Structures are given as C-alpha cells and as structure tokens.
Amino acid sequence: MHGQWNEFAKDISAMANTRGGLLIYGVADNHEIIGIDWEKADLRQYAQWVRNYVHPYLPDLVMYPLTDGATTLLVVDVPASEMAPHLVHGRSDKDKEQQAFTVPYRDRDHTAWMAEHQIERAYRDRFTRTDRAEEALRQHSDFLTKTITAHAAKPSAWLVAVARPTRPYPHGAPPLNRDEARYLLGVAEERGRKLPTRRIPGPMTGMGDALINPVRA
C-alpha cells in the first residue's frame, strides 16, 4: 500500500477530525456482523500506517479485539484530537506521480474531504484550543504556586510543574455514575496522602466539594 491512499489511515484521520469515535471492523454495510480473521490482523502494521500517513501523528489510538468466542471484531478507539486537523499523505491511482496531502472528515457514515474554508476553520479551532490549554496551564501553575506559598514555613525555592489531561474519556469505557466517580476520587485522594510530599500539598489538594459532589465537565 506504499504511496497509495491508505484507507485505514484515512478512516483514522477522518474520525480524529470529527470529534473522535469508534471504528469497528468486521461489520458489513448492511450492519451484518461478519467478523475478521484475527490471526491475520497485524496491529503493529496498522499503527505503522498511521505513523507513516497521518500528520500530525496520532499517539493515543487504542486498538483491541471484541469477540464472543466465535466472531471477532477489531475496535479502534479514536480520541478527539487537540491537534486536528490531521492530514493524510499519499497519491491517487489515476496520477501515481503526484503526491498530495488531503484532510478527510466523517459525514455521517461516509468519509469526505474538507474544502478550503473547512480546513481554514479547523486550523483556527486548533489555535483556539492551544490558547485555552495554555491559559488552563497558567491557572494551574498560579494556583499551585499560591498553595505552596501559603504552606511554606520559611522562604524557600520551589520547582513548580503542572500538567493537564488532553485525552477525553475513552469511547469504549462505560460511563461512571456519581457514586463511582466519588469512589475513584476518594481512592486518588487517599493515594495522594501516602506520597512522600515532605509537608507540601499533594495531589488532589484544593479539590474541595468536587471530591464529595463530582459533576460532569
């Protein structure tokens, strides 16, 4: 498939450019479950196709089999990407000398190609997400710095590092109810208290009511 449009990479890119989702291989157009030959499935090769043909690279793909013991499907969890739009590189069968980048997206059950105005908007949305991410990191840094300063007994030097998750909740994961979310937050808080923080605020500090009454973001 070298040099041609890679259908797998195109599907992955299109889904990442359209809020993410699940791609399921082994289902016919009429929704009949026909399965795949799992022994011939090569997840390393599929990942290599994505690395070779999709730009910028999508690092957070999750691929796994789904089986009832008799029939196996390949499920690909494609996250909504902070770096969209993702371009696919290749060539058409009609003009094998011309290499090109294109920007696919999902239009209901079909893959289509973005027009110029759609590409322009996609890049504007990426820059907006980048600005918001930088502002979120700045707020986290300011909050952490103020919290540390308030707990410091004497003047001292600190190295402040902050991070924020960018991958959304996996599409294939079951949704959490409030009690389940409260339990997970409680476990995280308990583990945070056991870390050797040397009397400085640990993880989950400042969460307040969010630990008791979590809400969907």
C-alpha atoms as a PDB file:
ATOM      1  CA  MET A   1       0.000   0.000   0.000  1.00  0.00           C
ATOM      2  CA  HIS A   2       3.040   2.235  -0.100  1.00  0.00           C
ATOM      3  CA  GLY A   3       2.343   5.501  -1.887  1.00  0.00           C
ATOM      4  CA  GLN A   4      -1.393   4.944  -2.333  1.00  0.00           C
ATOM      5  CA  TRP A   5      -4.218   6.339  -0.272  1.00  0.00           C
ATOM      6  CA  ASN A   6      -4.265   4.164   2.809  1.00  0.00           C
ATOM      7  CA  GLU A   7      -7.914   3.533   3.709  1.00  0.00           C
ATOM      8  CA  PHE A   8      -7.157   2.656   7.327  1.00  0.00           C
ATOM      9  CA  ALA A   9      -5.151   5.838   7.884  1.00  0.00           C
ATOM     10  CA  LYS A  10      -7.813   7.867   6.078  1.00  0.00           C
ATOM     11  CA  ASP A  11     -10.568   6.497   8.340  1.00  0.00           C
ATOM     12  CA  ILE A  12      -8.499   7.197  11.464  1.00  0.00           C
ATOM     13  CA  SER A  13      -7.710  10.749  10.370  1.00  0.00           C
ATOM     14  CA  ALA A  14     -11.326  11.445   9.395  1.00  0.00           C
ATOM     15  CA  MET A  15     -12.603  10.296  12.781  1.00  0.00           C
ATOM     16  CA  ALA A  16      -9.983  12.321  14.667  1.00  0.00           C
ATOM     17  CA  ASN A  17     -11.013  15.375  12.643  1.00  0.00           C
ATOM     18  CA  THR A  18     -14.669  14.876  13.612  1.00  0.00           C
ATOM     19  CA  ARG A  19     -14.755  14.722  17.416  1.00  0.00           C
ATOM     20  CA  GLY A  20     -13.354  11.187  17.593  1.00  0.00           C
ATOM     21  CA  GLY A  21     -15.290   7.943  17.937  1.00  0.00           C
ATOM     22  CA  LEU A  22     -15.135   4.186  17.494  1.00  0.00           C
ATOM     23  CA  LEU A  23     -14.233   2.428  14.252  1.00  0.00           C
ATOM     24  CA  ILE A  24     -15.392  -1.195  14.159  1.00  0.00           C
ATOM     25  CA  TYR A  25     -14.001  -3.514  11.505  1.00  0.00           C
ATOM     26  CA  GLY A  26     -15.862  -6.736  10.760  1.00  0.00           C
ATOM     27  CA  VAL A  27     -19.338  -5.254  10.188  1.00  0.00           C
ATOM     28  CA  ALA A  28     -20.826  -5.180   6.680  1.00  0.00           C
ATOM     29  CA  ASP A  29     -22.547  -2.145   5.134  1.00  0.00           C
ATOM     30  CA  ASN A  30     -25.923  -3.688   5.950  1.00  0.00           C
ATOM     31  CA  HIS A  31     -24.821  -3.885   9.633  1.00  0.00           C
ATOM     32  CA  GLU A  32     -24.387  -7.664   9.475  1.00  0.00           C
ATOM     33  CA  ILE A  33     -21.616  -8.822  11.817  1.00  0.00           C
ATOM     34  CA  ILE A  34     -19.231 -10.886   9.694  1.00  0.00           C
ATOM     35  CA  GLY A  35     -16.072 -10.585  11.788  1.00  0.00           C
ATOM     36  CA  ILE A  36     -12.412 -10.580  10.770  1.00  0.00           C
ATOM     37  CA  ASP A  37      -9.664 -13.167  10.682  1.00  0.00           C
ATOM     38  CA  TRP A  38      -7.895 -12.180  13.895  1.00  0.00           C
ATOM     39  CA  GLU A  39      -4.912 -14.396  13.155  1.00  0.00           C
ATOM     40  CA  LYS A  40      -4.176 -12.220  10.118  1.00  0.00           C
ATOM     41  CA  ALA A  41      -4.692  -8.926  11.955  1.00  0.00           C
ATOM     42  CA  ASP A  42      -1.428  -7.027  12.427  1.00  0.00           C
ATOM     43  CA  LEU A  43      -1.870  -4.202  14.942  1.00  0.00           C
ATOM     44  CA  ARG A  44       1.770  -3.183  14.578  1.00  0.00           C
ATOM     45  CA  GLN A  45       1.311  -2.744  10.843  1.00  0.00           C
ATOM     46  CA  TYR A  46      -1.861  -0.719  11.370  1.00  0.00           C
ATOM     47  CA  ALA A  47      -0.055   1.543  13.838  1.00  0.00           C
ATOM     48  CA  GLN A  48       2.810   1.920  11.340  1.00  0.00           C
ATOM     49  CA  TRP A  49       0.349   3.029   8.653  1.00  0.00           C
ATOM     50  CA  VAL A  50      -0.920   5.745  10.978  1.00  0.00           C
ATOM     51  CA  ARG A  51       2.641   6.886  11.735  1.00  0.00           C
ATOM     52  CA  ASN A  52       3.524   6.960   8.025  1.00  0.00           C
ATOM     53  CA  TYR A  53       0.418   8.508   6.524  1.00  0.00           C
ATOM     54  CA  VAL A  54      -1.262  10.697   9.183  1.00  0.00           C
ATOM     55  CA  HIS A  55       0.183  14.131  10.003  1.00  0.00           C
ATOM     56  CA  PRO A  56       0.469  15.276  12.719  1.00  0.00           C
ATOM     57  CA  TYR A  57       0.807  11.845  14.288  1.00  0.00           C
ATOM     58  CA  LEU A  58      -1.999  10.477  16.487  1.00  0.00           C
ATOM     59  CA  PRO A  59      -0.355   8.902  19.563  1.00  0.00           C
ATOM     60  CA  ASP A  60      -3.446   7.921  21.560  1.00  0.00           C
ATOM     61  CA  LEU A  61      -5.136   5.281  19.399  1.00  0.00           C
ATOM     62  CA  VAL A  62      -6.385   2.197  21.209  1.00  0.00           C
ATOM     63  CA  MET A  63      -6.940  -0.987  19.144  1.00  0.00           C
ATOM     64  CA  TYR A  64      -8.371  -4.178  20.605  1.00  0.00           C
ATOM     65  CA  PRO A  65     -10.404  -7.269  19.631  1.00  0.00           C
ATOM     66  CA  LEU A  66     -14.034  -7.696  20.593  1.00  0.00           C
ATOM     67  CA  THR A  67     -15.207 -11.306  20.459  1.00  0.00           C
ATOM     68  CA  ASP A  68     -17.992 -13.611  21.605  1.00  0.00           C
ATOM     69  CA  GLY A  69     -15.765 -16.647  21.149  1.00  0.00           C
ATOM     70  CA  ALA A  70     -16.919 -17.341  17.615  1.00  0.00           C
ATOM     71  CA  THR A  71     -16.735 -13.990  15.803  1.00  0.00           C
ATOM     72  CA  THR A  72     -14.075 -11.327  16.328  1.00  0.00           C
ATOM     73  CA  LEU A  73     -14.234  -7.615  15.552  1.00  0.00           C
ATOM     74  CA  LEU A  74     -11.434  -5.059  15.551  1.00  0.00           C
ATOM     75  CA  VAL A  75     -12.315  -1.945  17.539  1.00  0.00           C
ATOM     76  CA  VAL A  76     -10.276   1.231  17.126  1.00  0.00           C
ATOM     77  CA  ASP A  77     -10.901   3.961  19.703  1.00  0.00           C
ATOM     78  CA  VAL A  78     -10.003   7.287  18.073  1.00  0.00           C
ATOM     79  CA  PRO A  79      -9.891  10.214  20.510  1.00  0.00           C
ATOM     80  CA  ALA A  80     -10.986  13.702  19.593  1.00  0.00           C
ATOM     81  CA  SER A  81      -7.623  15.254  18.813  1.00  0.00           C
ATOM     82  CA  GLU A  82      -6.281  18.510  20.187  1.00  0.00           C
ATOM     83  CA  MET A  83      -4.055  18.690  17.086  1.00  0.00           C
ATOM     84  CA  ALA A  84      -6.816  18.407  14.455  1.00  0.00           C
ATOM     85  CA  PRO A  85      -6.878  18.847  11.514  1.00  0.00           C
ATOM     86  CA  HIS A  86      -4.912  15.710  10.639  1.00  0.00           C
ATOM     87  CA  LEU A  87      -3.780  15.328   7.048  1.00  0.00           C
ATOM     88  CA  VAL A  88      -3.334  12.108   5.093  1.00  0.00           C
ATOM     89  CA  HIS A  89      -0.410  11.802   2.694  1.00  0.00           C
ATOM     90  CA  GLY A  90      -0.497   9.632  -0.417  1.00  0.00           C
ATOM     91  CA  ARG A  91      -1.373   9.526  -4.087  1.00  0.00           C
ATOM     92  CA  SER A  92      -4.325   8.540  -6.236  1.00  0.00           C
ATOM     93  CA  ASP A  93      -4.386   5.543  -8.533  1.00  0.00           C
ATOM     94  CA  LYS A  94      -5.017   7.800 -11.537  1.00  0.00           C
ATOM     95  CA  ASP A  95      -1.984  10.046 -11.038  1.00  0.00           C
ATOM     96  CA  LYS A  96       0.743   7.951  -9.463  1.00  0.00           C
ATOM     97  CA  GLU A  97       3.397  10.655  -9.822  1.00  0.00           C
ATOM     98  CA  GLN A  98       1.536  13.289  -7.818  1.00  0.00           C
ATOM     99  CA  GLN A  99       1.881  13.116  -4.040  1.00  0.00           C
ATOM    100  CA  ALA A 100      -0.590  15.157  -2.029  1.00  0.00           C
ATOM    101  CA  PHE A 101      -1.927  15.926   1.441  1.00  0.00           C
ATOM    102  CA  THR A 102      -5.678  15.822   1.965  1.00  0.00           C
ATOM    103  CA  VAL A 103      -7.895  16.410   5.005  1.00  0.00           C
ATOM    104  CA  PRO A 104     -10.669  13.823   5.474  1.00  0.00           C
ATOM    105  CA  TYR A 105     -13.608  14.078   7.863  1.00  0.00           C
ATOM    106  CA  ARG A 106     -16.649  11.992   8.727  1.00  0.00           C
ATOM    107  CA  ASP A 107     -20.011  12.981   7.240  1.00  0.00           C
ATOM    108  CA  ARG A 108     -22.433  10.586   8.943  1.00  0.00           C
ATOM    109  CA  ASP A 109     -21.470   7.137   7.641  1.00  0.00           C
ATOM    110  CA  HIS A 110     -19.155   8.384   4.907  1.00  0.00           C
ATOM    111  CA  THR A 111     -15.677   9.890   4.669  1.00  0.00           C
ATOM    112  CA  ALA A 112     -15.447  13.179   2.767  1.00  0.00           C
ATOM    113  CA  TRP A 113     -12.655  15.662   2.014  1.00  0.00           C
ATOM    114  CA  MET A 114     -12.517  19.105   3.589  1.00  0.00           C
ATOM    115  CA  ALA A 115     -12.857  22.142   1.346  1.00  0.00           C
ATOM    116  CA  GLU A 116     -10.546  25.128   1.781  1.00  0.00           C
ATOM    117  CA  HIS A 117     -12.887  27.029   4.101  1.00  0.00           C
ATOM    118  CA  GLN A 118     -13.302  23.928   6.300  1.00  0.00           C
ATOM    119  CA  ILE A 119      -9.540  23.495   6.567  1.00  0.00           C
ATOM    120  CA  GLU A 120      -9.141  27.158   7.482  1.00  0.00           C
ATOM    121  CA  ARG A 121     -11.740  26.833  10.238  1.00  0.00           C
ATOM    122  CA  ALA A 122     -10.149  23.613  11.514  1.00  0.00           C
ATOM    123  CA  TYR A 123      -6.802  25.361  11.935  1.00  0.00           C
ATOM    124  CA  ARG A 124      -8.468  28.312  13.684  1.00  0.00           C
ATOM    125  CA  ASP A 125     -10.108  25.866  16.082  1.00  0.00           C
ATOM    126  CA  ARG A 126      -6.720  24.237  16.768  1.00  0.00           C
ATOM    127  CA  PHE A 127      -5.138  27.602  17.611  1.00  0.00           C
ATOM    128  CA  THR A 128      -8.081  28.416  19.893  1.00  0.00           C
ATOM    129  CA  ARG A 129      -7.666  25.100  21.725  1.00  0.00           C
ATOM    130  CA  THR A 130      -3.937  25.784  22.105  1.00  0.00           C
ATOM    131  CA  ASP A 131      -4.620  29.222  23.614  1.00  0.00           C
ATOM    132  CA  ARG A 132      -7.158  27.749  26.030  1.00  0.00           C
ATOM    133  CA  ALA A 133      -4.767  24.965  27.032  1.00  0.00           C
ATOM    134  CA  GLU A 134      -2.003  27.469  27.737  1.00  0.00           C
ATOM    135  CA  GLU A 135      -4.404  29.555  29.830  1.00  0.00           C
ATOM    136  CA  ALA A 136      -5.509  26.449  31.763  1.00  0.00           C
ATOM    137  CA  LEU A 137      -1.879  25.554  32.491  1.00  0.00           C
ATOM    138  CA  ARG A 138      -1.211  29.102  33.638  1.00  0.00           C
ATOM    139  CA  GLN A 139      -4.170  28.929  36.033  1.00  0.00           C
ATOM    140  CA  HIS A 140      -2.982  25.563  37.377  1.00  0.00           C
ATOM    141  CA  SER A 141       0.524  26.954  37.858  1.00  0.00           C
ATOM    142  CA  ASP A 142      -0.749  30.080  39.639  1.00  0.00           C
ATOM    143  CA  PHE A 143      -2.984  28.012  41.924  1.00  0.00           C
ATOM    144  CA  LEU A 144      -0.188  25.573  42.793  1.00  0.00           C
ATOM    145  CA  THR A 145       2.279  28.376  43.427  1.00  0.00           C
ATOM    146  CA  LYS A 146      -0.141  30.194  45.743  1.00  0.00           C
ATOM    147  CA  THR A 147      -0.979  26.957  47.588  1.00  0.00           C
ATOM    148  CA  ILE A 148       2.689  26.124  48.148  1.00  0.00           C
ATOM    149  CA  THR A 149       3.462  29.665  49.277  1.00  0.00           C
ATOM    150  CA  ALA A 150       0.621  29.551  51.793  1.00  0.00           C
ATOM    151  CA  HIS A 151       2.002  26.335  53.332  1.00  0.00           C
ATOM    152  CA  ALA A 152       5.667  27.316  53.292  1.00  0.00           C
ATOM    153  CA  ALA A 153       7.007  27.853  56.814  1.00  0.00           C
ATOM    154  CA  LYS A 154      10.023  29.851  55.659  1.00  0.00           C
ATOM    155  CA  PRO A 155      11.417  31.346  52.444  1.00  0.00           C
ATOM    156  CA  SER A 156      12.458  28.608  50.068  1.00  0.00           C
ATOM    157  CA  ALA A 157      12.862  27.761  46.382  1.00  0.00           C
ATOM    158  CA  TRP A 158      10.409  25.549  44.505  1.00  0.00           C
ATOM    159  CA  LEU A 159      10.265  23.898  41.119  1.00  0.00           C
ATOM    160  CA  VAL A 160       6.616  24.041  40.003  1.00  0.00           C
ATOM    161  CA  ALA A 161       5.424  21.584  37.363  1.00  0.00           C
ATOM    162  CA  VAL A 162       1.822  21.277  36.205  1.00  0.00           C
ATOM    163  CA  ALA A 163       0.014  19.175  33.600  1.00  0.00           C
ATOM    164  CA  ARG A 164      -3.493  18.713  32.285  1.00  0.00           C
ATOM    165  CA  PRO A 165      -5.017  15.684  30.539  1.00  0.00           C
ATOM    166  CA  THR A 166      -5.877  16.150  26.872  1.00  0.00           C
ATOM    167  CA  ARG A 167      -7.312  12.737  26.019  1.00  0.00           C
ATOM    168  CA  PRO A 168     -11.063  12.582  26.692  1.00  0.00           C
ATOM    169  CA  TYR A 169     -12.741   9.673  28.429  1.00  0.00           C
ATOM    170  CA  PRO A 170     -12.396   6.630  26.110  1.00  0.00           C
ATOM    171  CA  HIS A 171     -15.437   5.974  23.939  1.00  0.00           C
ATOM    172  CA  GLY A 172     -15.372   2.270  24.747  1.00  0.00           C
ATOM    173  CA  ALA A 173     -15.285   2.772  28.513  1.00  0.00           C
ATOM    174  CA  PRO A 174     -18.565   2.505  30.448  1.00  0.00           C
ATOM    175  CA  PRO A 175     -19.858   5.816  31.837  1.00  0.00           C
ATOM    176  CA  LEU A 176     -19.415   6.468  35.545  1.00  0.00           C
ATOM    177  CA  ASN A 177     -22.290   7.424  37.793  1.00  0.00           C
ATOM    178  CA  ARG A 178     -21.749   9.902  40.610  1.00  0.00           C
ATOM    179  CA  ASP A 179     -21.091   7.264  43.264  1.00  0.00           C
ATOM    180  CA  GLU A 180     -18.461   5.559  41.092  1.00  0.00           C
ATOM    181  CA  ALA A 181     -16.786   8.893  40.327  1.00  0.00           C
ATOM    182  CA  ARG A 182     -16.824   9.787  44.032  1.00  0.00           C
ATOM    183  CA  TYR A 183     -15.193   6.432  44.871  1.00  0.00           C
ATOM    184  CA  LEU A 184     -12.403   6.908  42.301  1.00  0.00           C
ATOM    185  CA  LEU A 185     -11.700  10.427  43.538  1.00  0.00           C
ATOM    186  CA  GLY A 186     -11.572   9.122  47.096  1.00  0.00           C
ATOM    187  CA  VAL A 187      -9.046   6.442  46.115  1.00  0.00           C
ATOM    188  CA  ALA A 188      -6.911   9.053  44.330  1.00  0.00           C
ATOM    189  CA  GLU A 189      -7.014  11.360  47.346  1.00  0.00           C
ATOM    190  CA  GLU A 190      -6.048   8.514  49.694  1.00  0.00           C
ATOM    191  CA  ARG A 191      -3.102   7.522  47.499  1.00  0.00           C
ATOM    192  CA  GLY A 192      -2.054  11.169  47.279  1.00  0.00           C
ATOM    193  CA  ARG A 193      -1.880  11.408  51.070  1.00  0.00           C
ATOM    194  CA  LYS A 194       0.526   8.437  51.140  1.00  0.00           C
ATOM    195  CA  LEU A 195       3.026  10.071  48.797  1.00  0.00           C
ATOM    196  CA  PRO A 196       6.250  11.427  50.372  1.00  0.00           C
ATOM    197  CA  THR A 197       5.309  15.087  49.907  1.00  0.00           C
ATOM    198  CA  ARG A 198       7.579  16.413  52.683  1.00  0.00           C
ATOM    199  CA  ARG A 199       4.836  18.547  54.194  1.00  0.00           C
ATOM    200  CA  ILE A 200       3.879  20.210  50.911  1.00  0.00           C
ATOM    201  CA  PRO A 201       0.426  19.955  49.332  1.00  0.00           C
ATOM    202  CA  GLY A 202      -0.018  16.696  47.453  1.00  0.00           C
ATOM    203  CA  PRO A 203      -2.280  15.657  44.586  1.00  0.00           C
ATOM    204  CA  MET A 204      -5.997  16.483  44.891  1.00  0.00           C
ATOM    205  CA  THR A 205      -5.247  19.434  47.182  1.00  0.00           C
ATOM    206  CA  GLY A 206      -7.838  22.149  46.735  1.00  0.00           C
ATOM    207  CA  MET A 207     -10.455  19.918  45.082  1.00  0.00           C
ATOM    208  CA  GLY A 208     -12.937  20.817  47.825  1.00  0.00           C
ATOM    209  CA  ASP A 209     -16.562  19.939  47.082  1.00  0.00           C
ATOM    210  CA  ALA A 210     -15.568  18.245  43.796  1.00  0.00           C
ATOM    211  CA  LEU A 211     -14.430  15.227  45.824  1.00  0.00           C
ATOM    212  CA  ILE A 212     -17.811  14.931  47.533  1.00  0.00           C
ATOM    213  CA  ASN A 213     -20.112  16.059  44.737  1.00  0.00           C
ATOM    214  CA  PRO A 214     -18.393  15.461  41.343  1.00  0.00           C
ATOM    215  CA  VAL A 215     -20.127  16.774  38.235  1.00  0.00           C
ATOM    216  CA  ARG A 216     -19.584  16.086  34.546  1.00  0.00           C
ATOM    217  CA  ALA A 217     -17.352  18.675  32.863  1.00  0.00           C
END
